[in-house]
C-alpha cells in the first residue's frame, strides 16, 4: 500500500528566457519571471525571480520550489515581465503548462514560446524550465559527544 506522504515530491524549477521581446526604447528589457498556480479556479502567485537588467537571454538564479502531487493535475503559468520603475512592468509574454508536462519533458527540460492572450502568431521569445527533484531522506542524524 502506498502512503499519502509518498504521493508528493518537492521540485525545483529553474527558469531561463531566450530571445525575449525587447520592450525598452533606449536599452534592453529588464526581465523577471513570475510563477502562478491555479487554485480553486484563480491564479495565485507562487513566487518571482530576481530582475536581470538589460538582458534578452536571462538565466535566473532564483528558482521556484513547488510540490509535485503525482495523482493531481496542477496548472502553472509562467509570466515574463519587463520591470520598469518601482512596481511598473510591461508584459513580455506568458505560457500555461501542467506539472506533468514539466516533469515528463525530455531530460526534464521544457521549452515553449511565450505568447500574449494565447496568440501564437506574435513571437515574444521562449521560456526554458528545467525541473530537478529535491532528494528527501528519512535518515536521522545521531550525534555522540565524548569528554
Foldseek 3Di string as FASTA:
>chain_A
DDDQVVQKFKKKKWKKWAQADAPDDPAGFFKKKWKWKQDPNDTDTQDIFDTHPRDRIDGTPDIGIDMDGNPDWIKMKIWMWRDDPDRDIHTLFMDMDTPCCQCPDDQSKDKDFGDDPPPPVDGRTMMIIHMDTDDDDPDDDDDDDDD
